N, C-alpha and C. Protein backbone atom coordinates (compact mmCIF):
# COMPACT_ATOMS: atom_id res chain seq x y z
N UNK A 1 -25.61 8.67 -20.23
CA UNK A 1 -24.89 8.98 -19.00
C UNK A 1 -24.39 10.43 -19.08
N UNK A 2 -24.49 11.14 -17.98
CA UNK A 2 -24.07 12.54 -17.94
C UNK A 2 -22.55 12.63 -17.96
N UNK A 3 -22.07 13.83 -18.27
CA UNK A 3 -20.61 14.06 -18.27
C UNK A 3 -20.02 13.80 -16.89
N UNK A 4 -20.76 14.21 -15.85
CA UNK A 4 -20.27 13.99 -14.49
C UNK A 4 -20.21 12.50 -14.18
N UNK A 5 -21.20 11.75 -14.66
CA UNK A 5 -21.19 10.30 -14.46
C UNK A 5 -20.05 9.63 -15.19
N UNK A 6 -19.75 10.09 -16.40
CA UNK A 6 -18.63 9.53 -17.16
C UNK A 6 -17.31 9.86 -16.49
N UNK A 7 -17.22 11.10 -15.99
CA UNK A 7 -15.99 11.49 -15.31
C UNK A 7 -15.80 10.66 -14.04
N UNK A 8 -16.87 10.43 -13.30
CA UNK A 8 -16.79 9.61 -12.09
C UNK A 8 -16.35 8.19 -12.44
N UNK A 9 -16.88 7.65 -13.52
CA UNK A 9 -16.47 6.30 -13.95
C UNK A 9 -14.99 6.26 -14.30
N UNK A 10 -14.52 7.29 -14.99
CA UNK A 10 -13.09 7.35 -15.36
C UNK A 10 -12.21 7.43 -14.11
N UNK A 11 -12.65 8.24 -13.15
CA UNK A 11 -11.87 8.38 -11.91
C UNK A 11 -11.85 7.05 -11.16
N UNK A 12 -13.01 6.41 -11.04
CA UNK A 12 -13.07 5.10 -10.36
C UNK A 12 -12.15 4.10 -11.03
N UNK A 13 -12.15 4.06 -12.36
CA UNK A 13 -11.31 3.12 -13.09
C UNK A 13 -9.84 3.42 -12.86
N UNK A 14 -9.49 4.70 -12.85
CA UNK A 14 -8.11 5.09 -12.63
C UNK A 14 -7.65 4.68 -11.24
N UNK A 15 -8.51 4.88 -10.25
CA UNK A 15 -8.17 4.47 -8.89
C UNK A 15 -8.03 2.95 -8.79
N UNK A 16 -8.91 2.23 -9.46
CA UNK A 16 -8.81 0.76 -9.46
C UNK A 16 -7.52 0.32 -10.15
N UNK A 17 -7.17 0.97 -11.25
CA UNK A 17 -5.93 0.64 -11.96
C UNK A 17 -4.70 0.94 -11.10
N UNK A 18 -4.84 1.90 -10.18
CA UNK A 18 -3.75 2.26 -9.28
C UNK A 18 -3.74 1.36 -8.04
N UNK A 19 -4.47 0.26 -8.09
CA UNK A 19 -4.53 -0.73 -7.03
C UNK A 19 -5.02 -0.13 -5.71
N UNK A 20 -5.98 0.77 -5.81
CA UNK A 20 -6.58 1.35 -4.60
C UNK A 20 -7.63 0.39 -4.07
N UNK A 21 -7.66 0.18 -2.76
CA UNK A 21 -8.71 -0.66 -2.18
C UNK A 21 -10.08 0.02 -2.33
N UNK A 22 -11.13 -0.79 -2.27
CA UNK A 22 -12.48 -0.28 -2.45
C UNK A 22 -12.81 0.85 -1.48
N UNK A 23 -12.35 0.71 -0.24
CA UNK A 23 -12.65 1.75 0.76
C UNK A 23 -12.01 3.08 0.37
N UNK A 24 -10.80 3.04 -0.15
CA UNK A 24 -10.14 4.26 -0.59
C UNK A 24 -10.90 4.88 -1.75
N UNK A 25 -11.33 4.04 -2.68
CA UNK A 25 -12.09 4.54 -3.85
C UNK A 25 -13.36 5.23 -3.38
N UNK A 26 -14.07 4.61 -2.48
CA UNK A 26 -15.32 5.21 -1.99
C UNK A 26 -15.05 6.52 -1.25
N UNK A 27 -14.03 6.54 -0.41
CA UNK A 27 -13.68 7.77 0.30
C UNK A 27 -13.30 8.88 -0.68
N UNK A 28 -12.49 8.52 -1.67
CA UNK A 28 -12.07 9.50 -2.66
C UNK A 28 -13.27 10.05 -3.43
N UNK A 29 -14.18 9.17 -3.82
CA UNK A 29 -15.34 9.61 -4.60
C UNK A 29 -16.25 10.52 -3.77
N UNK A 30 -16.36 10.25 -2.48
CA UNK A 30 -17.10 11.14 -1.59
C UNK A 30 -16.46 12.52 -1.56
N UNK A 31 -15.14 12.53 -1.41
CA UNK A 31 -14.41 13.80 -1.39
C UNK A 31 -14.56 14.53 -2.72
N UNK A 32 -14.51 13.77 -3.81
CA UNK A 32 -14.65 14.35 -5.15
C UNK A 32 -16.02 15.00 -5.29
N UNK A 33 -17.06 14.32 -4.86
CA UNK A 33 -18.42 14.86 -4.96
C UNK A 33 -18.58 16.12 -4.13
N UNK A 34 -17.83 16.19 -3.02
CA UNK A 34 -17.91 17.34 -2.11
C UNK A 34 -16.86 18.40 -2.45
N UNK A 35 -16.09 18.14 -3.49
CA UNK A 35 -15.03 19.06 -3.94
C UNK A 35 -14.01 19.36 -2.84
N UNK A 36 -13.64 18.32 -2.11
CA UNK A 36 -12.64 18.44 -1.05
C UNK A 36 -11.27 18.06 -1.62
N UNK A 37 -10.77 18.97 -2.44
CA UNK A 37 -9.56 18.69 -3.22
C UNK A 37 -8.35 18.42 -2.32
N UNK A 38 -8.18 19.21 -1.28
CA UNK A 38 -7.03 19.01 -0.39
C UNK A 38 -7.06 17.62 0.24
N UNK A 39 -8.24 17.17 0.62
CA UNK A 39 -8.38 15.82 1.19
C UNK A 39 -8.09 14.75 0.15
N UNK A 40 -8.52 14.99 -1.08
CA UNK A 40 -8.25 14.04 -2.17
C UNK A 40 -6.74 13.91 -2.38
N UNK A 41 -6.07 15.03 -2.42
CA UNK A 41 -4.61 15.02 -2.63
C UNK A 41 -3.93 14.26 -1.50
N UNK A 42 -4.34 14.51 -0.27
CA UNK A 42 -3.75 13.81 0.87
C UNK A 42 -3.96 12.31 0.79
N UNK A 43 -5.16 11.90 0.41
CA UNK A 43 -5.47 10.48 0.29
C UNK A 43 -4.62 9.82 -0.80
N UNK A 44 -4.49 10.50 -1.94
CA UNK A 44 -3.68 9.95 -3.04
C UNK A 44 -2.20 9.89 -2.66
N UNK A 45 -1.72 10.91 -1.98
CA UNK A 45 -0.31 10.91 -1.56
C UNK A 45 -0.03 9.78 -0.58
N UNK A 46 -0.96 9.54 0.33
CA UNK A 46 -0.80 8.46 1.30
C UNK A 46 -0.74 7.10 0.59
N UNK A 47 -1.62 6.90 -0.39
CA UNK A 47 -1.63 5.63 -1.13
C UNK A 47 -0.35 5.49 -1.96
N UNK A 48 0.09 6.59 -2.55
CA UNK A 48 1.32 6.57 -3.35
C UNK A 48 2.51 6.16 -2.47
N UNK A 49 2.56 6.72 -1.28
CA UNK A 49 3.65 6.39 -0.34
C UNK A 49 3.62 4.91 0.01
N UNK A 50 2.41 4.38 0.20
CA UNK A 50 2.25 2.96 0.51
C UNK A 50 2.74 2.09 -0.66
N UNK A 51 2.35 2.46 -1.87
CA UNK A 51 2.80 1.71 -3.05
C UNK A 51 4.31 1.77 -3.20
N UNK A 52 4.87 2.93 -2.96
CA UNK A 52 6.32 3.09 -3.08
C UNK A 52 7.05 2.23 -2.05
N UNK A 53 6.49 2.15 -0.84
CA UNK A 53 7.07 1.29 0.18
C UNK A 53 7.05 -0.17 -0.24
N UNK A 54 5.94 -0.59 -0.84
CA UNK A 54 5.83 -1.96 -1.34
C UNK A 54 6.84 -2.20 -2.46
N UNK A 55 6.98 -1.23 -3.32
CA UNK A 55 7.93 -1.34 -4.43
C UNK A 55 9.35 -1.55 -3.89
N UNK A 56 9.70 -0.78 -2.88
CA UNK A 56 11.04 -0.91 -2.30
C UNK A 56 11.23 -2.28 -1.64
N UNK A 57 10.19 -2.79 -1.00
CA UNK A 57 10.28 -4.13 -0.39
C UNK A 57 10.50 -5.17 -1.48
N UNK A 58 9.74 -5.10 -2.57
CA UNK A 58 9.89 -6.06 -3.65
C UNK A 58 11.24 -5.90 -4.35
N UNK A 59 11.72 -4.68 -4.46
CA UNK A 59 13.03 -4.45 -5.06
C UNK A 59 14.11 -5.13 -4.23
N UNK A 60 14.02 -4.98 -2.92
CA UNK A 60 15.00 -5.62 -2.04
C UNK A 60 14.93 -7.14 -2.16
N UNK A 61 13.69 -7.68 -2.23
CA UNK A 61 13.52 -9.12 -2.37
C UNK A 61 14.14 -9.61 -3.68
N UNK A 62 13.96 -8.85 -4.75
CA UNK A 62 14.56 -9.22 -6.04
C UNK A 62 16.08 -9.19 -5.97
N UNK A 63 16.62 -8.19 -5.30
CA UNK A 63 18.07 -8.11 -5.15
C UNK A 63 18.61 -9.31 -4.37
N UNK A 64 17.90 -9.73 -3.35
CA UNK A 64 18.31 -10.91 -2.58
C UNK A 64 18.26 -12.16 -3.45
N UNK A 65 17.21 -12.31 -4.22
CA UNK A 65 17.11 -13.47 -5.12
C UNK A 65 18.19 -13.43 -6.19
N UNK A 66 18.45 -12.26 -6.73
CA UNK A 66 19.51 -12.13 -7.74
C UNK A 66 20.86 -12.54 -7.17
N UNK A 67 21.14 -12.12 -5.93
CA UNK A 67 22.39 -12.49 -5.29
C UNK A 67 22.46 -14.00 -5.10
N UNK A 68 21.38 -14.60 -4.63
CA UNK A 68 21.36 -16.04 -4.41
C UNK A 68 21.52 -16.79 -5.73
N UNK A 69 20.86 -16.31 -6.77
CA UNK A 69 21.02 -16.93 -8.10
C UNK A 69 22.48 -16.83 -8.56
N UNK A 70 23.07 -15.66 -8.40
CA UNK A 70 24.45 -15.44 -8.82
C UNK A 70 25.39 -16.40 -8.09
N UNK A 71 25.26 -16.46 -6.76
CA UNK A 71 26.17 -17.32 -6.00
C UNK A 71 25.92 -18.79 -6.29
N UNK A 72 24.68 -19.18 -6.52
CA UNK A 72 24.36 -20.57 -6.83
C UNK A 72 24.92 -20.95 -8.19
N UNK A 73 24.77 -20.07 -9.17
CA UNK A 73 25.33 -20.33 -10.50
C UNK A 73 26.85 -20.42 -10.44
N UNK A 74 27.46 -19.54 -9.67
CA UNK A 74 28.92 -19.54 -9.53
C UNK A 74 29.37 -20.85 -8.89
N UNK A 75 28.65 -21.30 -7.88
CA UNK A 75 28.98 -22.56 -7.21
C UNK A 75 28.83 -23.72 -8.19
N UNK A 76 27.77 -23.69 -8.99
CA UNK A 76 27.55 -24.77 -9.97
C UNK A 76 28.69 -24.81 -10.97
N UNK A 77 29.15 -23.65 -11.41
CA UNK A 77 30.25 -23.62 -12.38
C UNK A 77 31.55 -24.15 -11.77
N UNK A 78 31.76 -23.88 -10.51
CA UNK A 78 32.98 -24.37 -9.84
C UNK A 78 32.95 -25.88 -9.65
N UNK A 79 31.77 -26.46 -9.53
CA UNK A 79 31.62 -27.90 -9.29
C UNK A 79 31.56 -28.70 -10.59
N UNK A 80 31.46 -28.03 -11.72
CA UNK A 80 31.43 -28.77 -12.99
C UNK A 80 32.85 -29.16 -13.39
N UNK A 81 32.99 -30.36 -13.94
CA UNK A 81 34.34 -30.80 -14.35
C UNK A 81 34.83 -30.06 -15.58
């Protein structure tokens, strides 16, 4: 396999590890082959923003569950003899 082929494989794997959808990977690889660096950066930034939004949603969900667990445990302790 050529160096360019190995590099492409590494990039594809990195994108997959970053939970990029197949369409994003294909678009990115097209841009990479055409050396459209500014477009690549924009695509990665957009995906990063999406992941960060998901992270914040999950963080809020965890905080809600933590609060519910806390209040439920507190209630259980108050009801124990």
